[in-house]
Amino acid sequence: MYFARAADGSGPIKIGSASDVERRLRELQTGSPVRLHLVGVVARGGAQLELGLHRRFADLRQHGEWYAPSRDLLATIAELTGGPAPPEAG
């Protein structure tokens, strides 16, 4: 499972899963007018974790699997990835 967003830290966050995350990021990039980067990757949980996060953050859904970067979502990403919370806006 992965989290992606604009490289400058702005805009929504994609919550997705893929067996080849780097390839998926390249695929997303071809349809994006802004440079994207991975905010974090979670090796455990896969599709079940992704579905749970989609449900948990349904009120933040902007389009498809793209979500507004709330404090709660950013803190959850940090907790799941073991890293610092991504910035709210860039």
PDB file of N, CA and C in Angstrom:
ATOM      1  N   MET A   1       0.836  -1.158   0.000  1.00  0.00           N
ATOM      2  CA  MET A   1       0.000   0.000   0.000  1.00  0.00           C
ATOM      3  C   MET A   1       0.888   1.229   0.000  1.00  0.00           C
ATOM      4  N   TYR A   2       0.387   2.304  -0.620  1.00  0.00           N
ATOM      5  CA  TYR A   2       1.210   3.502  -0.730  1.00  0.00           C
ATOM      6  C   TYR A   2       0.362   4.762  -0.567  1.00  0.00           C
ATOM      7  N   PHE A   3       1.054   5.853  -0.309  1.00  0.00           N
ATOM      8  CA  PHE A   3       0.478   7.186  -0.253  1.00  0.00           C
ATOM      9  C   PHE A   3       1.296   8.050  -1.199  1.00  0.00           C
ATOM     10  N   ALA A   4       0.628   8.777  -2.079  1.00  0.00           N
ATOM     11  CA  ALA A   4       1.331   9.639  -3.030  1.00  0.00           C
ATOM     12  C   ALA A   4       0.660  11.007  -3.058  1.00  0.00           C
ATOM     13  N   ARG A   5       1.457  12.024  -3.427  1.00  0.00           N
ATOM     14  CA  ARG A   5       0.913  13.372  -3.593  1.00  0.00           C
ATOM     15  C   ARG A   5       1.887  14.194  -4.406  1.00  0.00           C
ATOM     16  N   ALA A   6       1.516  15.434  -4.690  1.00  0.00           N
ATOM     17  CA  ALA A   6       2.388  16.325  -5.446  1.00  0.00           C
ATOM     18  C   ALA A   6       3.734  16.451  -4.727  1.00  0.00           C
ATOM     19  N   ALA A   7       4.805  16.505  -5.494  1.00  0.00           N
ATOM     20  CA  ALA A   7       6.154  16.558  -4.929  1.00  0.00           C
ATOM     21  C   ALA A   7       6.380  17.795  -4.066  1.00  0.00           C
ATOM     22  N   ASP A   8       5.642  18.883  -4.345  1.00  0.00           N
ATOM     23  CA  ASP A   8       5.815  20.094  -3.540  1.00  0.00           C
ATOM     24  C   ASP A   8       5.026  20.036  -2.231  1.00  0.00           C
ATOM     25  N   GLY A   9       4.349  18.913  -1.970  1.00  0.00           N
ATOM     26  CA  GLY A   9       3.622  18.737  -0.718  1.00  0.00           C
ATOM     27  C   GLY A   9       2.237  19.352  -0.710  1.00  0.00           C
ATOM     28  N   SER A  10       1.784  19.814  -1.857  1.00  0.00           N
ATOM     29  CA  SER A  10       0.464  20.423  -1.932  1.00  0.00           C
ATOM     30  C   SER A  10      -0.559  19.424  -2.453  1.00  0.00           C
ATOM     31  N   GLY A  11      -1.814  19.769  -2.303  1.00  0.00           N
ATOM     32  CA  GLY A  11      -2.884  18.988  -2.899  1.00  0.00           C
ATOM     33  C   GLY A  11      -3.231  17.718  -2.165  1.00  0.00           C
ATOM     34  N   PRO A  12      -4.132  16.952  -2.773  1.00  0.00           N
ATOM     35  CA  PRO A  12      -4.646  15.736  -2.140  1.00  0.00           C
ATOM     36  C   PRO A  12      -3.620  14.606  -2.096  1.00  0.00           C
ATOM     37  N   ILE A  13      -3.957  13.600  -1.301  1.00  0.00           N
ATOM     38  CA  ILE A  13      -3.107  12.419  -1.119  1.00  0.00           C
ATOM     39  C   ILE A  13      -3.823  11.206  -1.685  1.00  0.00           C
ATOM     40  N   LYS A  14      -3.116  10.422  -2.474  1.00  0.00           N
ATOM     41  CA  LYS A  14      -3.650   9.186  -3.047  1.00  0.00           C
ATOM     42  C   LYS A  14      -3.371   8.051  -2.073  1.00  0.00           C
ATOM     43  N   ILE A  15      -4.418   7.308  -1.739  1.00  0.00           N
ATOM     44  CA  ILE A  15      -4.273   6.106  -0.930  1.00  0.00           C
ATOM     45  C   ILE A  15      -4.524   4.938  -1.872  1.00  0.00           C
ATOM     46  N   GLY A  16      -3.505   4.158  -2.147  1.00  0.00           N
ATOM     47  CA  GLY A  16      -3.658   3.070  -3.096  1.00  0.00           C
ATOM     48  C   GLY A  16      -2.821   1.859  -2.725  1.00  0.00           C
ATOM     49  N   SER A  17      -2.994   0.807  -3.498  1.00  0.00           N
ATOM     50  CA  SER A  17      -2.163  -0.382  -3.305  1.00  0.00           C
ATOM     51  C   SER A  17      -1.750  -0.910  -4.670  1.00  0.00           C
ATOM     52  N   ALA A  18      -0.592  -1.513  -4.705  1.00  0.00           N
ATOM     53  CA  ALA A  18      -0.047  -2.060  -5.948  1.00  0.00           C
ATOM     54  C   ALA A  18       1.060  -3.035  -5.587  1.00  0.00           C
ATOM     55  N   SER A  19       1.229  -4.043  -6.423  1.00  0.00           N
ATOM     56  CA  SER A  19       2.320  -4.986  -6.186  1.00  0.00           C
ATOM     57  C   SER A  19       3.661  -4.358  -6.556  1.00  0.00           C
ATOM     58  N   ASP A  20       3.653  -3.424  -7.487  1.00  0.00           N
ATOM     59  CA  ASP A  20       4.867  -2.696  -7.886  1.00  0.00           C
ATOM     60  C   ASP A  20       4.576  -1.206  -7.733  1.00  0.00           C
ATOM     61  N   VAL A  21       4.895  -0.678  -6.570  1.00  0.00           N
ATOM     62  CA  VAL A  21       4.560   0.702  -6.232  1.00  0.00           C
ATOM     63  C   VAL A  21       5.253   1.698  -7.149  1.00  0.00           C
ATOM     64  N   GLU A  22       6.512   1.472  -7.454  1.00  0.00           N
ATOM     65  CA  GLU A  22       7.239   2.405  -8.336  1.00  0.00           C
ATOM     66  C   GLU A  22       6.600   2.455  -9.729  1.00  0.00           C
ATOM     67  N   ARG A  23       6.220   1.294 -10.246  1.00  0.00           N
ATOM     68  CA  ARG A  23       5.553   1.267 -11.550  1.00  0.00           C
ATOM     69  C   ARG A  23       4.217   2.002 -11.483  1.00  0.00           C
ATOM     70  N   ARG A  24       3.473   1.809 -10.394  1.00  0.00           N
ATOM     71  CA  ARG A  24       2.193   2.490 -10.235  1.00  0.00           C
ATOM     72  C   ARG A  24       2.379   3.993 -10.171  1.00  0.00           C
ATOM     73  N   LEU A  25       3.407   4.460  -9.486  1.00  0.00           N
ATOM     74  CA  LEU A  25       3.683   5.894  -9.425  1.00  0.00           C
ATOM     75  C   LEU A  25       3.967   6.442 -10.821  1.00  0.00           C
ATOM     76  N   ARG A  26       4.727   5.696 -11.614  1.00  0.00           N
ATOM     77  CA  ARG A  26       4.995   6.137 -12.995  1.00  0.00           C
ATOM     78  C   ARG A  26       3.695   6.216 -13.793  1.00  0.00           C
ATOM     79  N   GLU A  27       2.799   5.245 -13.591  1.00  0.00           N
ATOM     80  CA  GLU A  27       1.511   5.252 -14.286  1.00  0.00           C
ATOM     81  C   GLU A  27       0.681   6.467 -13.869  1.00  0.00           C
ATOM     82  N   LEU A  28       0.646   6.760 -12.583  1.00  0.00           N
ATOM     83  CA  LEU A  28      -0.078   7.936 -12.104  1.00  0.00           C
ATOM     84  C   LEU A  28       0.521   9.212 -12.671  1.00  0.00           C
ATOM     85  N   GLN A  29       1.844   9.228 -12.779  1.00  0.00           N
ATOM     86  CA  GLN A  29       2.528  10.424 -13.257  1.00  0.00           C
ATOM     87  C   GLN A  29       2.131  10.783 -14.679  1.00  0.00           C
ATOM     88  N   THR A  30       1.891   9.788 -15.520  1.00  0.00           N
ATOM     89  CA  THR A  30       1.540  10.095 -16.909  1.00  0.00           C
ATOM     90  C   THR A  30       0.226  10.858 -17.008  1.00  0.00           C
ATOM     91  N   GLY A  31      -0.657  10.725 -16.017  1.00  0.00           N
ATOM     92  CA  GLY A  31      -1.925  11.434 -16.048  1.00  0.00           C
ATOM     93  C   GLY A  31      -1.962  12.669 -15.166  1.00  0.00           C
ATOM     94  N   SER A  32      -0.841  13.037 -14.595  1.00  0.00           N
ATOM     95  CA  SER A  32      -0.804  14.169 -13.668  1.00  0.00           C
ATOM     96  C   SER A  32      -0.024  15.348 -14.245  1.00  0.00           C
ATOM     97  N   PRO A  33      -0.579  16.553 -14.135  1.00  0.00           N
ATOM     98  CA  PRO A  33       0.146  17.729 -14.619  1.00  0.00           C
ATOM     99  C   PRO A  33       1.245  18.194 -13.664  1.00  0.00           C
ATOM    100  N   VAL A  34       1.261  17.650 -12.443  1.00  0.00           N
ATOM    101  CA  VAL A  34       2.294  18.011 -11.465  1.00  0.00           C
ATOM    102  C   VAL A  34       3.139  16.794 -11.142  1.00  0.00           C
ATOM    103  N   ARG A  35       4.357  17.032 -10.733  1.00  0.00           N
ATOM    104  CA  ARG A  35       5.263  15.944 -10.348  1.00  0.00           C
ATOM    105  C   ARG A  35       4.754  15.295  -9.073  1.00  0.00           C
ATOM    106  N   LEU A  36       4.663  13.979  -9.054  1.00  0.00           N
ATOM    107  CA  LEU A  36       4.198  13.228  -7.895  1.00  0.00           C
ATOM    108  C   LEU A  36       5.365  12.544  -7.192  1.00  0.00           C
ATOM    109  N   HIS A  37       5.189  12.267  -5.916  1.00  0.00           N
ATOM    110  CA  HIS A  37       6.181  11.480  -5.183  1.00  0.00           C
ATOM    111  C   HIS A  37       5.466  10.626  -4.153  1.00  0.00           C
ATOM    112  N   LEU A  38       6.146   9.600  -3.702  1.00  0.00           N
ATOM    113  CA  LEU A  38       5.606   8.730  -2.661  1.00  0.00           C
ATOM    114  C   LEU A  38       5.792   9.391  -1.310  1.00  0.00           C
ATOM    115  N   VAL A  39       4.722   9.497  -0.560  1.00  0.00           N
ATOM    116  CA  VAL A  39       4.784  10.028   0.796  1.00  0.00           C
ATOM    117  C   VAL A  39       5.190   8.910   1.741  1.00  0.00           C
ATOM    118  N   GLY A  40       4.750   7.699   1.424  1.00  0.00           N
ATOM    119  CA  GLY A  40       5.093   6.555   2.250  1.00  0.00           C
ATOM    120  C   GLY A  40       4.573   5.267   1.662  1.00  0.00           C
ATOM    121  N   VAL A  41       5.175   4.167   2.099  1.00  0.00           N
ATOM    122  CA  VAL A  41       4.789   2.831   1.659  1.00  0.00           C
ATOM    123  C   VAL A  41       4.632   1.962   2.901  1.00  0.00           C
ATOM    124  N   VAL A  42       3.578   1.135   2.908  1.00  0.00           N
ATOM    125  CA  VAL A  42       3.310   0.226   4.012  1.00  0.00           C
ATOM    126  C   VAL A  42       3.332  -1.187   3.446  1.00  0.00           C
ATOM    127  N   ALA A  43       4.199  -2.018   3.965  1.00  0.00           N
ATOM    128  CA  ALA A  43       4.354  -3.378   3.436  1.00  0.00           C
ATOM    129  C   ALA A  43       3.291  -4.335   3.958  1.00  0.00           C
ATOM    130  N   ARG A  44       2.675  -4.028   5.076  1.00  0.00           N
ATOM    131  CA  ARG A  44       1.697  -4.936   5.666  1.00  0.00           C
ATOM    132  C   ARG A  44       0.279  -4.396   5.452  1.00  0.00           C
ATOM    133  N   GLY A  45      -0.687  -5.281   5.477  1.00  0.00           N
ATOM    134  CA  GLY A  45      -2.077  -4.856   5.435  1.00  0.00           C
ATOM    135  C   GLY A  45      -2.716  -4.867   4.065  1.00  0.00           C
ATOM    136  N   GLY A  46      -1.968  -4.477   3.050  1.00  0.00           N
ATOM    137  CA  GLY A  46      -2.421  -4.510   1.666  1.00  0.00           C
ATOM    138  C   GLY A  46      -3.803  -3.961   1.424  1.00  0.00           C
ATOM    139  N   ALA A  47      -4.585  -4.704   0.646  1.00  0.00           N
ATOM    140  CA  ALA A  47      -5.905  -4.259   0.207  1.00  0.00           C
ATOM    141  C   ALA A  47      -6.860  -4.047   1.380  1.00  0.00           C
ATOM    142  N   GLN A  48      -6.759  -4.868   2.412  1.00  0.00           N
ATOM    143  CA  GLN A  48      -7.649  -4.710   3.570  1.00  0.00           C
ATOM    144  C   GLN A  48      -7.377  -3.393   4.289  1.00  0.00           C
ATOM    145  N   LEU A  49      -6.113  -3.064   4.481  1.00  0.00           N
ATOM    146  CA  LEU A  49      -5.753  -1.805   5.122  1.00  0.00           C
ATOM    147  C   LEU A  49      -6.200  -0.635   4.249  1.00  0.00           C
ATOM    148  N   GLU A  50      -5.964  -0.744   2.952  1.00  0.00           N
ATOM    149  CA  GLU A  50      -6.371   0.316   2.028  1.00  0.00           C
ATOM    150  C   GLU A  50      -7.877   0.556   2.120  1.00  0.00           C
ATOM    151  N   LEU A  51      -8.662  -0.510   2.063  1.00  0.00           N
ATOM    152  CA  LEU A  51     -10.119  -0.392   2.145  1.00  0.00           C
ATOM    153  C   LEU A  51     -10.538   0.253   3.461  1.00  0.00           C
ATOM    154  N   GLY A  52      -9.909  -0.153   4.542  1.00  0.00           N
ATOM    155  CA  GLY A  52     -10.214   0.438   5.844  1.00  0.00           C
ATOM    156  C   GLY A  52      -9.926   1.931   5.882  1.00  0.00           C
ATOM    157  N   LEU A  53      -8.826   2.338   5.274  1.00  0.00           N
ATOM    158  CA  LEU A  53      -8.486   3.761   5.239  1.00  0.00           C
ATOM    159  C   LEU A  53      -9.448   4.523   4.333  1.00  0.00           C
ATOM    160  N   HIS A  54      -9.836   3.937   3.225  1.00  0.00           N
ATOM    161  CA  HIS A  54     -10.820   4.581   2.347  1.00  0.00           C
ATOM    162  C   HIS A  54     -12.119   4.834   3.115  1.00  0.00           C
ATOM    163  N   ARG A  55     -12.536   3.869   3.902  1.00  0.00           N
ATOM    164  CA  ARG A  55     -13.759   4.030   4.698  1.00  0.00           C
ATOM    165  C   ARG A  55     -13.567   5.064   5.802  1.00  0.00           C
ATOM    166  N   ARG A  56     -12.452   4.959   6.495  1.00  0.00           N
ATOM    167  CA  ARG A  56     -12.188   5.876   7.612  1.00  0.00           C
ATOM    168  C   ARG A  56     -12.145   7.331   7.163  1.00  0.00           C
ATOM    169  N   PHE A  57     -11.569   7.573   6.004  1.00  0.00           N
ATOM    170  CA  PHE A  57     -11.400   8.946   5.530  1.00  0.00           C
ATOM    171  C   PHE A  57     -12.365   9.316   4.402  1.00  0.00           C
ATOM    172  N   ALA A  58     -13.492   8.620   4.324  1.00  0.00           N
ATOM    173  CA  ALA A  58     -14.469   8.859   3.257  1.00  0.00           C
ATOM    174  C   ALA A  58     -14.918  10.321   3.188  1.00  0.00           C
ATOM    175  N   ASP A  59     -15.020  10.972   4.327  1.00  0.00           N
ATOM    176  CA  ASP A  59     -15.448  12.372   4.335  1.00  0.00           C
ATOM    177  C   ASP A  59     -14.403  13.306   3.714  1.00  0.00           C
ATOM    178  N   LEU A  60     -13.184  12.838   3.535  1.00  0.00           N
ATOM    179  CA  LEU A  60     -12.107  13.643   2.941  1.00  0.00           C
ATOM    180  C   LEU A  60     -11.912  13.353   1.455  1.00  0.00           C
ATOM    181  N   ARG A  61     -12.669  12.383   0.926  1.00  0.00           N
ATOM    182  CA  ARG A  61     -12.500  11.982  -0.476  1.00  0.00           C
ATOM    183  C   ARG A  61     -12.785  13.167  -1.395  1.00  0.00           C
ATOM    184  N   GLN A  62     -11.836  13.433  -2.299  1.00  0.00           N
ATOM    185  CA  GLN A  62     -12.011  14.509  -3.264  1.00  0.00           C
ATOM    186  C   GLN A  62     -12.349  13.969  -4.650  1.00  0.00           C
ATOM    187  N   HIS A  63     -11.690  12.885  -5.003  1.00  0.00           N
ATOM    188  CA  HIS A  63     -11.925  12.265  -6.308  1.00  0.00           C
ATOM    189  C   HIS A  63     -11.297  10.870  -6.283  1.00  0.00           C
ATOM    190  N   GLY A  64     -12.092   9.848  -6.584  1.00  0.00           N
ATOM    191  CA  GLY A  64     -11.544   8.496  -6.609  1.00  0.00           C
ATOM    192  C   GLY A  64     -10.864   8.144  -5.302  1.00  0.00           C
ATOM    193  N   GLU A  65      -9.570   7.856  -5.371  1.00  0.00           N
ATOM    194  CA  GLU A  65      -8.796   7.490  -4.179  1.00  0.00           C
ATOM    195  C   GLU A  65      -7.897   8.632  -3.701  1.00  0.00           C
ATOM    196  N   TRP A  66      -8.267   9.860  -4.024  1.00  0.00           N
ATOM    197  CA  TRP A  66      -7.514  11.054  -3.631  1.00  0.00           C
ATOM    198  C   TRP A  66      -8.262  11.751  -2.497  1.00  0.00           C
ATOM    199  N   TYR A  67      -7.525  12.065  -1.412  1.00  0.00           N
ATOM    200  CA  TYR A  67      -8.118  12.577  -0.183  1.00  0.00           C
ATOM    201  C   TYR A  67      -7.471  13.883   0.250  1.00  0.00           C
ATOM    202  N   ALA A  68      -8.290  14.773   0.849  1.00  0.00           N
ATOM    203  CA  ALA A  68      -7.768  16.019   1.413  1.00  0.00           C
ATOM    204  C   ALA A  68      -6.794  15.681   2.540  1.00  0.00           C
ATOM    205  N   PRO A  69      -5.699  16.414   2.644  1.00  0.00           N
ATOM    206  CA  PRO A  69      -4.666  16.095   3.645  1.00  0.00           C
ATOM    207  C   PRO A  69      -4.985  16.648   5.033  1.00  0.00           C
ATOM    208  N   SER A  70      -5.925  16.035   5.743  1.00  0.00           N
ATOM    209  CA  SER A  70      -6.262  16.474   7.097  1.00  0.00           C
ATOM    210  C   SER A  70      -5.145  16.096   8.069  1.00  0.00           C
ATOM    211  N   ARG A  71      -5.181  16.716   9.239  1.00  0.00           N
ATOM    212  CA  ARG A  71      -4.195  16.378  10.284  1.00  0.00           C
ATOM    213  C   ARG A  71      -4.287  14.895  10.644  1.00  0.00           C
ATOM    214  N   ASP A  72      -5.510  14.369  10.728  1.00  0.00           N
ATOM    215  CA  ASP A  72      -5.703  12.968  11.089  1.00  0.00           C
ATOM    216  C   ASP A  72      -5.120  12.037  10.026  1.00  0.00           C
ATOM    217  N   LEU A  73      -5.372  12.327   8.761  1.00  0.00           N
ATOM    218  CA  LEU A  73      -4.812  11.499   7.686  1.00  0.00           C
ATOM    219  C   LEU A  73      -3.288  11.563   7.703  1.00  0.00           C
ATOM    220  N   LEU A  74      -2.737  12.751   7.852  1.00  0.00           N
ATOM    221  CA  LEU A  74      -1.279  12.903   7.863  1.00  0.00           C
ATOM    222  C   LEU A  74      -0.653  12.175   9.055  1.00  0.00           C
ATOM    223  N   ALA A  75      -1.300  12.245  10.211  1.00  0.00           N
ATOM    224  CA  ALA A  75      -0.797  11.534  11.389  1.00  0.00           C
ATOM    225  C   ALA A  75      -0.888  10.024  11.187  1.00  0.00           C
ATOM    226  N   THR A  76      -1.943   9.564  10.542  1.00  0.00           N
ATOM    227  CA  THR A  76      -2.106   8.136  10.260  1.00  0.00           C
ATOM    228  C   THR A  76      -1.016   7.651   9.321  1.00  0.00           C
ATOM    229  N   ILE A  77      -0.699   8.440   8.298  1.00  0.00           N
ATOM    230  CA  ILE A  77       0.378   8.083   7.370  1.00  0.00           C
ATOM    231  C   ILE A  77       1.695   7.958   8.133  1.00  0.00           C
ATOM    232  N   ALA A  78       1.983   8.925   8.995  1.00  0.00           N
ATOM    233  CA  ALA A  78       3.225   8.884   9.782  1.00  0.00           C
ATOM    234  C   ALA A  78       3.267   7.648  10.662  1.00  0.00           C
ATOM    235  N   GLU A  79       2.152   7.326  11.293  1.00  0.00           N
ATOM    236  CA  GLU A  79       2.090   6.156  12.175  1.00  0.00           C
ATOM    237  C   GLU A  79       2.314   4.863  11.391  1.00  0.00           C
ATOM    238  N   LEU A  80       1.649   4.738  10.252  1.00  0.00           N
ATOM    239  CA  LEU A  80       1.750   3.507   9.456  1.00  0.00           C
ATOM    240  C   LEU A  80       3.120   3.327   8.796  1.00  0.00           C
ATOM    241  N   THR A  81       3.742   4.432   8.405  1.00  0.00           N
ATOM    242  CA  THR A  81       5.018   4.350   7.700  1.00  0.00           C
ATOM    243  C   THR A  81       6.225   4.491   8.605  1.00  0.00           C
ATOM    244  N   GLY A  82       5.992   4.872   9.866  1.00  0.00           N
ATOM    245  CA  GLY A  82       7.090   5.016  10.808  1.00  0.00           C
ATOM    246  C   GLY A  82       7.939   6.247  10.546  1.00  0.00           C
ATOM    247  N   GLY A  83       7.383   7.200   9.819  1.00  0.00           N
ATOM    248  CA  GLY A  83       8.137   8.409   9.497  1.00  0.00           C
ATOM    249  C   GLY A  83       7.454   9.641  10.057  1.00  0.00           C
ATOM    250  N   PRO A  84       8.027  10.814   9.782  1.00  0.00           N
ATOM    251  CA  PRO A  84       7.380  12.048  10.225  1.00  0.00           C
ATOM    252  C   PRO A  84       6.119  12.310   9.402  1.00  0.00           C
ATOM    253  N   ALA A  85       5.199  13.055   9.978  1.00  0.00           N
ATOM    254  CA  ALA A  85       3.973  13.398   9.242  1.00  0.00           C
ATOM    255  C   ALA A  85       4.308  14.291   8.068  1.00  0.00           C
ATOM    256  N   PRO A  86       3.733  14.004   6.905  1.00  0.00           N
ATOM    257  CA  PRO A  86       3.928  14.881   5.758  1.00  0.00           C
ATOM    258  C   PRO A  86       3.342  16.263   6.078  1.00  0.00           C
ATOM    259  N   PRO A  87       3.864  17.327   5.478  1.00  0.00           N
ATOM    260  CA  PRO A  87       3.308  18.659   5.748  1.00  0.00           C
ATOM    261  C   PRO A  87       1.877  18.767   5.239  1.00  0.00           C
ATOM    262  N   GLU A  88       1.083  19.639   5.906  1.00  0.00           N
ATOM    263  CA  GLU A  88      -0.301  19.822   5.496  1.00  0.00           C
ATOM    264  C   GLU A  88      -0.385  20.494   4.133  1.00  0.00           C
ATOM    265  N   ALA A  89       0.471  21.431   3.875  1.00  0.00           N
ATOM    266  CA  ALA A  89       0.475  22.112   2.576  1.00  0.00           C
ATOM    267  C   ALA A  89       1.894  22.546   2.262  1.00  0.00           C
ATOM    268  N   GLY A  90       2.184  22.640   0.989  1.00  0.00           N
ATOM    269  CA  GLY A  90       3.536  22.997   0.591  1.00  0.00           C
ATOM    270  C   GLY A  90       3.674  24.383   0.102  1.00  0.00           C
TER     271      GLY A  90
END
